[in-house]
Amino acid sequence: VYGWTRDPLIEFYIVESWGSWRPPGAPVSLGTVTVDGGTYD
């Protein structure tokens, strides 16, 4: 699920699955959320 907001300008992703590379390449996660039967960074 993908989208944008304004004020502030934010691009967002809720990634369920991916191909050869797991995004987003950030060194640390700020936390986790467990919802809908899965845990997300």
PDB file of all heavy atoms in Angstrom:
ATOM      1  N   VAL A   1       0.881  -1.172   0.000  1.00  0.00           N
ATOM      2  CA  VAL A   1       0.000   0.000   0.000  1.00  0.00           C
ATOM      3  C   VAL A   1       0.911   1.212   0.000  1.00  0.00           C
ATOM      4  O   VAL A   1       1.869   1.293   0.775  1.00  0.00           O
ATOM      5  CB  VAL A   1      -0.946   0.011   1.209  1.00  0.00           C
ATOM      6  CG1 VAL A   1      -1.587   1.383   1.376  1.00  0.00           C
ATOM      7  CG2 VAL A   1      -2.023  -1.049   1.052  1.00  0.00           C
ATOM      8  N   TYR A   2       0.596   2.143  -0.870  1.00  0.00           N
ATOM      9  CA  TYR A   2       1.481   3.270  -1.153  1.00  0.00           C
ATOM     10  C   TYR A   2       0.666   4.557  -1.179  1.00  0.00           C
ATOM     11  O   TYR A   2      -0.526   4.548  -1.482  1.00  0.00           O
ATOM     12  CB  TYR A   2       2.133   3.036  -2.512  1.00  0.00           C
ATOM     13  CG  TYR A   2       2.882   4.202  -3.114  1.00  0.00           C
ATOM     14  CD1 TYR A   2       4.217   4.411  -2.815  1.00  0.00           C
ATOM     15  CD2 TYR A   2       2.242   5.080  -3.991  1.00  0.00           C
ATOM     16  CE1 TYR A   2       4.911   5.486  -3.377  1.00  0.00           C
ATOM     17  CE2 TYR A   2       2.931   6.139  -4.548  1.00  0.00           C
ATOM     18  CZ  TYR A   2       4.265   6.340  -4.239  1.00  0.00           C
ATOM     19  OH  TYR A   2       4.944   7.391  -4.789  1.00  0.00           O
ATOM     20  N   GLY A   3       1.305   5.674  -0.854  1.00  0.00           N
ATOM     21  CA  GLY A   3       0.595   6.938  -0.962  1.00  0.00           C
ATOM     22  C   GLY A   3       1.417   8.124  -0.508  1.00  0.00           C
ATOM     23  O   GLY A   3       2.625   8.022  -0.239  1.00  0.00           O
ATOM     24  N   TRP A   4       0.742   9.262  -0.420  1.00  0.00           N
ATOM     25  CA  TRP A   4       1.369  10.539  -0.076  1.00  0.00           C
ATOM     26  C   TRP A   4       0.460  11.324   0.865  1.00  0.00           C
ATOM     27  O   TRP A   4      -0.758  11.164   0.852  1.00  0.00           O
ATOM     28  CB  TRP A   4       1.567  11.402  -1.327  1.00  0.00           C
ATOM     29  CG  TRP A   4       2.633  10.940  -2.260  1.00  0.00           C
ATOM     30  CD1 TRP A   4       2.507  10.023  -3.267  1.00  0.00           C
ATOM     31  CD2 TRP A   4       3.985  11.392  -2.303  1.00  0.00           C
ATOM     32  NE1 TRP A   4       3.697   9.885  -3.936  1.00  0.00           N
ATOM     33  CE2 TRP A   4       4.621  10.712  -3.366  1.00  0.00           C
ATOM     34  CE3 TRP A   4       4.725  12.313  -1.563  1.00  0.00           C
ATOM     35  CZ2 TRP A   4       5.966  10.920  -3.682  1.00  0.00           C
ATOM     36  CZ3 TRP A   4       6.059  12.515  -1.882  1.00  0.00           C
ATOM     37  CH2 TRP A   4       6.664  11.821  -2.936  1.00  0.00           C
ATOM     38  N   THR A   5       1.078  12.210   1.649  1.00  0.00           N
ATOM     39  CA  THR A   5       0.341  13.251   2.358  1.00  0.00           C
ATOM     40  C   THR A   5       1.036  14.583   2.096  1.00  0.00           C
ATOM     41  O   THR A   5       2.185  14.640   1.656  1.00  0.00           O
ATOM     42  CB  THR A   5       0.285  13.018   3.885  1.00  0.00           C
ATOM     43  OG1 THR A   5       1.575  13.236   4.470  1.00  0.00           O
ATOM     44  CG2 THR A   5      -0.194  11.616   4.205  1.00  0.00           C
ATOM     45  N   ARG A   6       0.313  15.647   2.386  1.00  0.00           N
ATOM     46  CA  ARG A   6       0.866  17.004   2.346  1.00  0.00           C
ATOM     47  C   ARG A   6       0.787  17.631   3.740  1.00  0.00           C
ATOM     48  O   ARG A   6      -0.071  17.304   4.536  1.00  0.00           O
ATOM     49  CB  ARG A   6       0.081  17.888   1.370  1.00  0.00           C
ATOM     50  CG  ARG A   6       0.518  17.772  -0.082  1.00  0.00           C
ATOM     51  CD  ARG A   6      -0.050  18.944  -0.877  1.00  0.00           C
ATOM     52  NE  ARG A   6       0.483  18.978  -2.236  1.00  0.00           N
ATOM     53  CZ  ARG A   6      -0.152  18.510  -3.287  1.00  0.00           C
ATOM     54  NH1 ARG A   6      -1.330  17.949  -3.147  1.00  0.00           N
ATOM     55  NH2 ARG A   6       0.393  18.600  -4.487  1.00  0.00           N
ATOM     56  N   ASP A   7       1.689  18.573   3.962  1.00  0.00           N
ATOM     57  CA  ASP A   7       1.726  19.338   5.234  1.00  0.00           C
ATOM     58  C   ASP A   7       1.806  18.433   6.452  1.00  0.00           C
ATOM     59  O   ASP A   7       0.913  18.459   7.308  1.00  0.00           O
ATOM     60  CB  ASP A   7       0.508  20.260   5.343  1.00  0.00           C
ATOM     61  CG  ASP A   7       0.449  21.275   4.220  1.00  0.00           C
ATOM     62  OD1 ASP A   7       1.518  21.769   3.816  1.00  0.00           O
ATOM     63  OD2 ASP A   7      -0.671  21.570   3.759  1.00  0.00           O
ATOM     64  N   PRO A   8       2.847  17.624   6.622  1.00  0.00           N
ATOM     65  CA  PRO A   8       4.049  17.611   5.805  1.00  0.00           C
ATOM     66  C   PRO A   8       3.935  16.702   4.576  1.00  0.00           C
ATOM     67  O   PRO A   8       3.077  15.818   4.522  1.00  0.00           O
ATOM     68  CB  PRO A   8       5.102  17.066   6.768  1.00  0.00           C
ATOM     69  CG  PRO A   8       4.325  16.149   7.664  1.00  0.00           C
ATOM     70  CD  PRO A   8       2.991  16.802   7.848  1.00  0.00           C
ATOM     71  N   LEU A   9       4.880  16.962   3.631  1.00  0.00           N
ATOM     72  CA  LEU A   9       4.984  16.134   2.434  1.00  0.00           C
ATOM     73  C   LEU A   9       5.661  14.819   2.808  1.00  0.00           C
ATOM     74  O   LEU A   9       6.849  14.789   3.156  1.00  0.00           O
ATOM     75  CB  LEU A   9       5.799  16.871   1.374  1.00  0.00           C
ATOM     76  CG  LEU A   9       5.981  16.151   0.031  1.00  0.00           C
ATOM     77  CD1 LEU A   9       4.642  15.996  -0.683  1.00  0.00           C
ATOM     78  CD2 LEU A   9       6.977  16.905  -0.842  1.00  0.00           C
ATOM     79  N   ILE A  10       4.888  13.733   2.768  1.00  0.00           N
ATOM     80  CA  ILE A  10       5.382  12.405   3.151  1.00  0.00           C
ATOM     81  C   ILE A  10       4.998  11.403   2.083  1.00  0.00           C
ATOM     82  O   ILE A  10       3.845  11.365   1.633  1.00  0.00           O
ATOM     83  CB  ILE A  10       4.795  11.950   4.506  1.00  0.00           C
ATOM     84  CG1 ILE A  10       5.136  12.944   5.628  1.00  0.00           C
ATOM     85  CG2 ILE A  10       5.272  10.541   4.854  1.00  0.00           C
ATOM     86  CD1 ILE A  10       6.593  13.031   5.988  1.00  0.00           C
ATOM     87  N   GLU A  11       5.945  10.557   1.688  1.00  0.00           N
ATOM     88  CA  GLU A  11       5.677   9.392   0.844  1.00  0.00           C
ATOM     89  C   GLU A  11       5.698   8.174   1.758  1.00  0.00           C
ATOM     90  O   GLU A  11       6.630   8.013   2.550  1.00  0.00           O
ATOM     91  CB  GLU A  11       6.744   9.276  -0.238  1.00  0.00           C
ATOM     92  CG  GLU A  11       6.527   8.124  -1.201  1.00  0.00           C
ATOM     93  CD  GLU A  11       7.661   8.013  -2.210  1.00  0.00           C
ATOM     94  OE1 GLU A  11       8.820   8.337  -1.863  1.00  0.00           O
ATOM     95  OE2 GLU A  11       7.395   7.583  -3.344  1.00  0.00           O
ATOM     96  N   PHE A  12       4.684   7.296   1.655  1.00  0.00           N
ATOM     97  CA  PHE A  12       4.646   6.170   2.585  1.00  0.00           C
ATOM     98  C   PHE A  12       4.440   4.838   1.867  1.00  0.00           C
ATOM     99  O   PHE A  12       3.847   4.774   0.784  1.00  0.00           O
ATOM    100  CB  PHE A  12       3.578   6.371   3.668  1.00  0.00           C
ATOM    101  CG  PHE A  12       2.156   6.413   3.182  1.00  0.00           C
ATOM    102  CD1 PHE A  12       1.446   5.246   2.910  1.00  0.00           C
ATOM    103  CD2 PHE A  12       1.498   7.629   3.029  1.00  0.00           C
ATOM    104  CE1 PHE A  12       0.138   5.283   2.473  1.00  0.00           C
ATOM    105  CE2 PHE A  12       0.177   7.680   2.603  1.00  0.00           C
ATOM    106  CZ  PHE A  12      -0.505   6.498   2.319  1.00  0.00           C
ATOM    107  N   TYR A  13       4.969   3.797   2.516  1.00  0.00           N
ATOM    108  CA  TYR A  13       4.862   2.423   2.030  1.00  0.00           C
ATOM    109  C   TYR A  13       4.483   1.500   3.190  1.00  0.00           C
ATOM    110  O   TYR A  13       5.079   1.579   4.273  1.00  0.00           O
ATOM    111  CB  TYR A  13       6.203   1.918   1.498  1.00  0.00           C
ATOM    112  CG  TYR A  13       6.674   2.475   0.185  1.00  0.00           C
ATOM    113  CD1 TYR A  13       7.373   3.685   0.120  1.00  0.00           C
ATOM    114  CD2 TYR A  13       6.476   1.775  -0.992  1.00  0.00           C
ATOM    115  CE1 TYR A  13       7.840   4.177  -1.091  1.00  0.00           C
ATOM    116  CE2 TYR A  13       6.947   2.252  -2.207  1.00  0.00           C
ATOM    117  CZ  TYR A  13       7.627   3.451  -2.249  1.00  0.00           C
ATOM    118  OH  TYR A  13       8.089   3.937  -3.446  1.00  0.00           O
ATOM    119  N   ILE A  14       3.542   0.606   2.946  1.00  0.00           N
ATOM    120  CA  ILE A  14       3.290  -0.539   3.818  1.00  0.00           C
ATOM    121  C   ILE A  14       3.549  -1.763   2.951  1.00  0.00           C
ATOM    122  O   ILE A  14       2.727  -2.118   2.100  1.00  0.00           O
ATOM    123  CB  ILE A  14       1.857  -0.539   4.375  1.00  0.00           C
ATOM    124  CG1 ILE A  14       1.568   0.773   5.127  1.00  0.00           C
ATOM    125  CG2 ILE A  14       1.647  -1.742   5.292  1.00  0.00           C
ATOM    126  CD1 ILE A  14       0.118   0.943   5.525  1.00  0.00           C
ATOM    127  N   VAL A  15       4.691  -2.383   3.135  1.00  0.00           N
ATOM    128  CA  VAL A  15       5.192  -3.406   2.207  1.00  0.00           C
ATOM    129  C   VAL A  15       4.818  -4.795   2.718  1.00  0.00           C
ATOM    130  O   VAL A  15       5.266  -5.227   3.784  1.00  0.00           O
ATOM    131  CB  VAL A  15       6.718  -3.280   2.024  1.00  0.00           C
ATOM    132  CG1 VAL A  15       7.221  -4.339   1.046  1.00  0.00           C
ATOM    133  CG2 VAL A  15       7.083  -1.874   1.527  1.00  0.00           C
ATOM    134  N   GLU A  16       4.006  -5.490   1.931  1.00  0.00           N
ATOM    135  CA  GLU A  16       3.595  -6.852   2.253  1.00  0.00           C
ATOM    136  C   GLU A  16       4.569  -7.890   1.718  1.00  0.00           C
ATOM    137  O   GLU A  16       4.842  -8.897   2.364  1.00  0.00           O
ATOM    138  CB  GLU A  16       2.205  -7.129   1.676  1.00  0.00           C
ATOM    139  CG  GLU A  16       1.071  -6.512   2.432  1.00  0.00           C
ATOM    140  CD  GLU A  16       0.868  -7.176   3.781  1.00  0.00           C
ATOM    141  OE1 GLU A  16       0.284  -8.281   3.834  1.00  0.00           O
ATOM    142  OE2 GLU A  16       1.296  -6.589   4.791  1.00  0.00           O
ATOM    143  N   SER A  17       5.063  -7.673   0.498  1.00  0.00           N
ATOM    144  CA  SER A  17       5.979  -8.626  -0.115  1.00  0.00           C
ATOM    145  C   SER A  17       6.906  -7.868  -1.054  1.00  0.00           C
ATOM    146  O   SER A  17       6.664  -6.705  -1.392  1.00  0.00           O
ATOM    147  CB  SER A  17       5.217  -9.722  -0.871  1.00  0.00           C
ATOM    148  OG  SER A  17       6.086 -10.776  -1.240  1.00  0.00           O
ATOM    149  N   TRP A  18       7.980  -8.542  -1.457  1.00  0.00           N
ATOM    150  CA  TRP A  18       8.989  -7.890  -2.286  1.00  0.00           C
ATOM    151  C   TRP A  18       9.709  -8.934  -3.120  1.00  0.00           C
ATOM    152  O   TRP A  18       9.502 -10.146  -2.967  1.00  0.00           O
ATOM    153  CB  TRP A  18       9.975  -7.114  -1.411  1.00  0.00           C
ATOM    154  CG  TRP A  18      10.651  -7.947  -0.354  1.00  0.00           C
ATOM    155  CD1 TRP A  18      11.845  -8.620  -0.458  1.00  0.00           C
ATOM    156  CD2 TRP A  18      10.148  -8.234   0.962  1.00  0.00           C
ATOM    157  NE1 TRP A  18      12.115  -9.287   0.711  1.00  0.00           N
ATOM    158  CE2 TRP A  18      11.103  -9.070   1.599  1.00  0.00           C
ATOM    159  CE3 TRP A  18       9.002  -7.863   1.657  1.00  0.00           C
ATOM    160  CZ2 TRP A  18      10.927  -9.531   2.899  1.00  0.00           C
ATOM    161  CZ3 TRP A  18       8.830  -8.329   2.952  1.00  0.00           C
ATOM    162  CH2 TRP A  18       9.784  -9.155   3.565  1.00  0.00           C
ATOM    163  N   GLY A  19      10.526  -8.453  -4.038  1.00  0.00           N
ATOM    164  CA  GLY A  19      11.260  -9.339  -4.922  1.00  0.00           C
ATOM    165  C   GLY A  19      12.601  -9.737  -4.329  1.00  0.00           C
ATOM    166  O   GLY A  19      12.674 -10.376  -3.282  1.00  0.00           O
ATOM    167  N   SER A  20      13.696  -9.311  -4.984  1.00  0.00           N
ATOM    168  CA  SER A  20      15.024  -9.761  -4.578  1.00  0.00           C
ATOM    169  C   SER A  20      15.612  -8.960  -3.430  1.00  0.00           C
ATOM    170  O   SER A  20      16.623  -9.353  -2.855  1.00  0.00           O
ATOM    171  CB  SER A  20      15.971  -9.679  -5.784  1.00  0.00           C
ATOM    172  OG  SER A  20      16.046  -8.344  -6.277  1.00  0.00           O
ATOM    173  N   TRP A  21      15.023  -7.834  -3.078  1.00  0.00           N
ATOM    174  CA  TRP A  21      15.614  -6.938  -2.079  1.00  0.00           C
ATOM    175  C   TRP A  21      14.550  -6.442  -1.128  1.00  0.00           C
ATOM    176  O   TRP A  21      13.513  -5.951  -1.549  1.00  0.00           O
ATOM    177  CB  TRP A  21      16.259  -5.750  -2.797  1.00  0.00           C
ATOM    178  CG  TRP A  21      16.962  -4.761  -1.918  1.00  0.00           C
ATOM    179  CD1 TRP A  21      18.172  -4.912  -1.313  1.00  0.00           C
ATOM    180  CD2 TRP A  21      16.499  -3.449  -1.553  1.00  0.00           C
ATOM    181  NE1 TRP A  21      18.496  -3.780  -0.595  1.00  0.00           N
ATOM    182  CE2 TRP A  21      17.480  -2.861  -0.724  1.00  0.00           C
ATOM    183  CE3 TRP A  21      15.354  -2.713  -1.854  1.00  0.00           C
ATOM    184  CZ2 TRP A  21      17.364  -1.580  -0.198  1.00  0.00           C
ATOM    185  CZ3 TRP A  21      15.222  -1.431  -1.318  1.00  0.00           C
ATOM    186  CH2 TRP A  21      16.221  -0.877  -0.504  1.00  0.00           C
ATOM    187  N   ARG A  22      14.809  -6.623   0.178  1.00  0.00           N
ATOM    188  CA  ARG A  22      13.856  -6.154   1.185  1.00  0.00           C
ATOM    189  C   ARG A  22      14.130  -4.690   1.501  1.00  0.00           C
ATOM    190  O   ARG A  22      15.217  -4.327   1.927  1.00  0.00           O
ATOM    191  CB  ARG A  22      13.965  -6.987   2.462  1.00  0.00           C
ATOM    192  CG  ARG A  22      12.979  -6.571   3.561  1.00  0.00           C
ATOM    193  CD  ARG A  22      13.144  -7.465   4.791  1.00  0.00           C
ATOM    194  NE  ARG A  22      12.175  -7.120   5.834  1.00  0.00           N
ATOM    195  CZ  ARG A  22      12.398  -6.272   6.832  1.00  0.00           C
ATOM    196  NH1 ARG A  22      13.586  -5.663   6.922  1.00  0.00           N
ATOM    197  NH2 ARG A  22      11.476  -6.021   7.734  1.00  0.00           N
ATOM    198  N   PRO A  23      13.151  -3.844   1.306  1.00  0.00           N
ATOM    199  CA  PRO A  23      13.349  -2.412   1.547  1.00  0.00           C
ATOM    200  C   PRO A  23      13.345  -2.113   3.057  1.00  0.00           C
ATOM    201  O   PRO A  23      12.976  -2.976   3.849  1.00  0.00           O
ATOM    202  CB  PRO A  23      12.133  -1.786   0.864  1.00  0.00           C
ATOM    203  CG  PRO A  23      11.074  -2.830   0.980  1.00  0.00           C
ATOM    204  CD  PRO A  23      11.795  -4.141   0.838  1.00  0.00           C
ATOM    205  N   PRO A  24      13.735  -0.862   3.439  1.00  0.00           N
ATOM    206  CA  PRO A  24      14.147   0.239   2.571  1.00  0.00           C
ATOM    207  C   PRO A  24      15.644   0.480   2.560  1.00  0.00           C
ATOM    208  O   PRO A  24      16.096   1.522   2.085  1.00  0.00           O
ATOM    209  CB  PRO A  24      13.432   1.426   3.210  1.00  0.00           C
ATOM    210  CG  PRO A  24      13.517   1.139   4.679  1.00  0.00           C
ATOM    211  CD  PRO A  24      13.400  -0.371   4.802  1.00  0.00           C
ATOM    212  N   GLY A  25      16.453  -0.418   3.129  1.00  0.00           N
ATOM    213  CA  GLY A  25      17.890  -0.178   3.174  1.00  0.00           C
ATOM    214  C   GLY A  25      18.314   0.730   4.309  1.00  0.00           C
ATOM    215  O   GLY A  25      19.427   1.228   4.312  1.00  0.00           O
ATOM    216  N   ALA A  26      17.444   0.967   5.279  1.00  0.00           N
ATOM    217  CA  ALA A  26      17.795   1.808   6.422  1.00  0.00           C
ATOM    218  C   ALA A  26      18.558   0.977   7.451  1.00  0.00           C
ATOM    219  O   ALA A  26      18.295  -0.215   7.623  1.00  0.00           O
ATOM    220  CB  ALA A  26      16.528   2.396   7.047  1.00  0.00           C
ATOM    221  N   PRO A  27      19.505   1.588   8.164  1.00  0.00           N
ATOM    222  CA  PRO A  27      20.338   0.824   9.087  1.00  0.00           C
ATOM    223  C   PRO A  27      19.630   0.378  10.352  1.00  0.00           C
ATOM    224  O   PRO A  27      19.989  -0.635  10.944  1.00  0.00           O
ATOM    225  CB  PRO A  27      21.483   1.792   9.415  1.00  0.00           C
ATOM    226  CG  PRO A  27      20.909   3.145   9.190  1.00  0.00           C
ATOM    227  CD  PRO A  27      19.947   2.995   8.057  1.00  0.00           C
ATOM    228  N   VAL A  28      18.634   1.138  10.804  1.00  0.00           N
ATOM    229  CA  VAL A  28      17.938   0.790  12.043  1.00  0.00           C
ATOM    230  C   VAL A  28      16.451   1.041  11.879  1.00  0.00           C
ATOM    231  O   VAL A  28      16.034   1.959  11.170  1.00  0.00           O
ATOM    232  CB  VAL A  28      18.457   1.618  13.241  1.00  0.00           C
ATOM    233  CG1 VAL A  28      19.880   1.232  13.586  1.00  0.00           C
ATOM    234  CG2 VAL A  28      18.359   3.114  12.973  1.00  0.00           C
ATOM    235  N   SER A  29      15.643   0.198  12.523  1.00  0.00           N
ATOM    236  CA  SER A  29      14.208   0.447  12.559  1.00  0.00           C
ATOM    237  C   SER A  29      13.884   1.226  13.827  1.00  0.00           C
ATOM    238  O   SER A  29      14.579   1.123  14.836  1.00  0.00           O
ATOM    239  CB  SER A  29      13.422  -0.863  12.513  1.00  0.00           C
ATOM    240  OG  SER A  29      13.600  -1.590  13.719  1.00  0.00           O
ATOM    241  N   LEU A  30      12.812   2.005  13.763  1.00  0.00           N
ATOM    242  CA  LEU A  30      12.395   2.804  14.905  1.00  0.00           C
ATOM    243  C   LEU A  30      11.505   2.026  15.856  1.00  0.00           C
ATOM    244  O   LEU A  30      11.217   2.484  16.955  1.00  0.00           O
ATOM    245  CB  LEU A  30      11.653   4.053  14.423  1.00  0.00           C
ATOM    246  CG  LEU A  30      12.409   4.948  13.443  1.00  0.00           C
ATOM    247  CD1 LEU A  30      11.569   6.175  13.105  1.00  0.00           C
ATOM    248  CD2 LEU A  30      13.746   5.356  14.023  1.00  0.00           C
ATOM    249  N   GLY A  31      11.068   0.853  15.426  1.00  0.00           N
ATOM    250  CA  GLY A  31      10.200   0.025  16.243  1.00  0.00           C
ATOM    251  C   GLY A  31       9.529  -1.020  15.387  1.00  0.00           C
ATOM    252  O   GLY A  31       9.900  -1.236  14.225  1.00  0.00           O
ATOM    253  N   THR A  32       8.535  -1.676  15.943  1.00  0.00           N
ATOM    254  CA  THR A  32       7.778  -2.695  15.215  1.00  0.00           C
ATOM    255  C   THR A  32       6.295  -2.532  15.525  1.00  0.00           C
ATOM    256  O   THR A  32       5.907  -1.960  16.539  1.00  0.00           O
ATOM    257  CB  THR A  32       8.210  -4.121  15.594  1.00  0.00           C
ATOM    258  OG1 THR A  32       7.925  -4.346  16.984  1.00  0.00           O
ATOM    259  CG2 THR A  32       9.691  -4.339  15.329  1.00  0.00           C
ATOM    260  N   VAL A  33       5.475  -3.057  14.631  1.00  0.00           N
ATOM    261  CA  VAL A  33       4.048  -3.161  14.888  1.00  0.00           C
ATOM    262  C   VAL A  33       3.592  -4.553  14.459  1.00  0.00           C
ATOM    263  O   VAL A  33       3.957  -5.031  13.384  1.00  0.00           O
ATOM    264  CB  VAL A  33       3.243  -2.071  14.143  1.00  0.00           C
ATOM    265  CG1 VAL A  33       3.500  -2.087  12.642  1.00  0.00           C
ATOM    266  CG2 VAL A  33       1.749  -2.217  14.422  1.00  0.00           C
ATOM    267  N   THR A  34       2.842  -5.201  15.316  1.00  0.00           N
ATOM    268  CA  THR A  34       2.265  -6.508  15.010  1.00  0.00           C
ATOM    269  C   THR A  34       0.772  -6.307  14.770  1.00  0.00           C
ATOM    270  O   THR A  34       0.042  -5.846  15.658  1.00  0.00           O
ATOM    271  CB  THR A  34       2.498  -7.495  16.154  1.00  0.00           C
ATOM    272  OG1 THR A  34       3.912  -7.655  16.346  1.00  0.00           O
ATOM    273  CG2 THR A  34       1.899  -8.855  15.824  1.00  0.00           C
ATOM    274  N   VAL A  35       0.342  -6.629  13.546  1.00  0.00           N
ATOM    275  CA  VAL A  35      -1.030  -6.380  13.134  1.00  0.00           C
ATOM    276  C   VAL A  35      -1.357  -7.288  11.962  1.00  0.00           C
ATOM    277  O   VAL A  35      -0.459  -7.655  11.180  1.00  0.00           O
ATOM    278  CB  VAL A  35      -1.215  -4.885  12.752  1.00  0.00           C
ATOM    279  CG1 VAL A  35      -0.304  -4.486  11.614  1.00  0.00           C
ATOM    280  CG2 VAL A  35      -2.660  -4.556  12.416  1.00  0.00           C
ATOM    281  N   ASP A  36      -2.606  -7.695  11.829  1.00  0.00           N
ATOM    282  CA  ASP A  36      -3.059  -8.502  10.697  1.00  0.00           C
ATOM    283  C   ASP A  36      -2.245  -9.787  10.542  1.00  0.00           C
ATOM    284  O   ASP A  36      -2.007 -10.263   9.430  1.00  0.00           O
ATOM    285  CB  ASP A  36      -3.004  -7.701   9.394  1.00  0.00           C
ATOM    286  CG  ASP A  36      -3.889  -6.464   9.431  1.00  0.00           C
ATOM    287  OD1 ASP A  36      -4.985  -6.532  10.011  1.00  0.00           O
ATOM    288  OD2 ASP A  36      -3.474  -5.426   8.879  1.00  0.00           O
ATOM    289  N   GLY A  37      -1.799 -10.348  11.662  1.00  0.00           N
ATOM    290  CA  GLY A  37      -1.087 -11.620  11.623  1.00  0.00           C
ATOM    291  C   GLY A  37       0.371 -11.541  11.243  1.00  0.00           C
ATOM    292  O   GLY A  37       1.019 -12.569  11.032  1.00  0.00           O
ATOM    293  N   GLY A  38       0.930 -10.339  11.145  1.00  0.00           N
ATOM    294  CA  GLY A  38       2.346 -10.193  10.798  1.00  0.00           C
ATOM    295  C   GLY A  38       3.009  -9.128  11.650  1.00  0.00           C
ATOM    296  O   GLY A  38       2.346  -8.280  12.246  1.00  0.00           O
ATOM    297  N   THR A  39       4.341  -9.174  11.715  1.00  0.00           N
ATOM    298  CA  THR A  39       5.114  -8.153  12.413  1.00  0.00           C
ATOM    299  C   THR A  39       5.903  -7.360  11.388  1.00  0.00           C
ATOM    300  O   THR A  39       6.575  -7.936  10.523  1.00  0.00           O
ATOM    301  CB  THR A  39       6.060  -8.770  13.450  1.00  0.00           C
ATOM    302  OG1 THR A  39       5.276  -9.460  14.438  1.00  0.00           O
ATOM    303  CG2 THR A  39       6.891  -7.705  14.147  1.00  0.00           C
ATOM    304  N   TYR A  40       5.819  -6.055  11.493  1.00  0.00           N
ATOM    305  CA  TYR A  40       6.429  -5.135  10.539  1.00  0.00           C
ATOM    306  C   TYR A  40       7.470  -4.271  11.240  1.00  0.00           C
ATOM    307  O   TYR A  40       7.234  -3.775  12.350  1.00  0.00           O
ATOM    308  CB  TYR A  40       5.376  -4.205   9.923  1.00  0.00           C
ATOM    309  CG  TYR A  40       4.263  -4.870   9.174  1.00  0.00           C
ATOM    310  CD1 TYR A  40       3.266  -5.578   9.841  1.00  0.00           C
ATOM    311  CD2 TYR A  40       4.167  -4.778   7.785  1.00  0.00           C
ATOM    312  CE1 TYR A  40       2.222  -6.181   9.156  1.00  0.00           C
ATOM    313  CE2 TYR A  40       3.129  -5.369   7.082  1.00  0.00           C
ATOM    314  CZ  TYR A  40       2.156  -6.072   7.776  1.00  0.00           C
ATOM    315  OH  TYR A  40       1.124  -6.664   7.097  1.00  0.00           O
ATOM    316  N   ASP A  41       8.608  -4.063  10.590  1.00  0.00           N
ATOM    317  CA  ASP A  41       9.583  -3.092  11.059  1.00  0.00           C
ATOM    318  C   ASP A  41       9.190  -1.709  10.541  1.00  0.00           C
ATOM    319  O   ASP A  41       8.745  -1.559   9.392  1.00  0.00           O
ATOM    320  CB  ASP A  41      10.986  -3.443  10.557  1.00  0.00           C
ATOM    321  CG  ASP A  41      11.525  -4.706  11.200  1.00  0.00           C
ATOM    322  OD1 ASP A  41      11.390  -4.843  12.428  1.00  0.00           O
ATOM    323  OD2 ASP A  41      12.064  -5.559  10.474  1.00  0.00           O
TER     324      ASP A  41
END
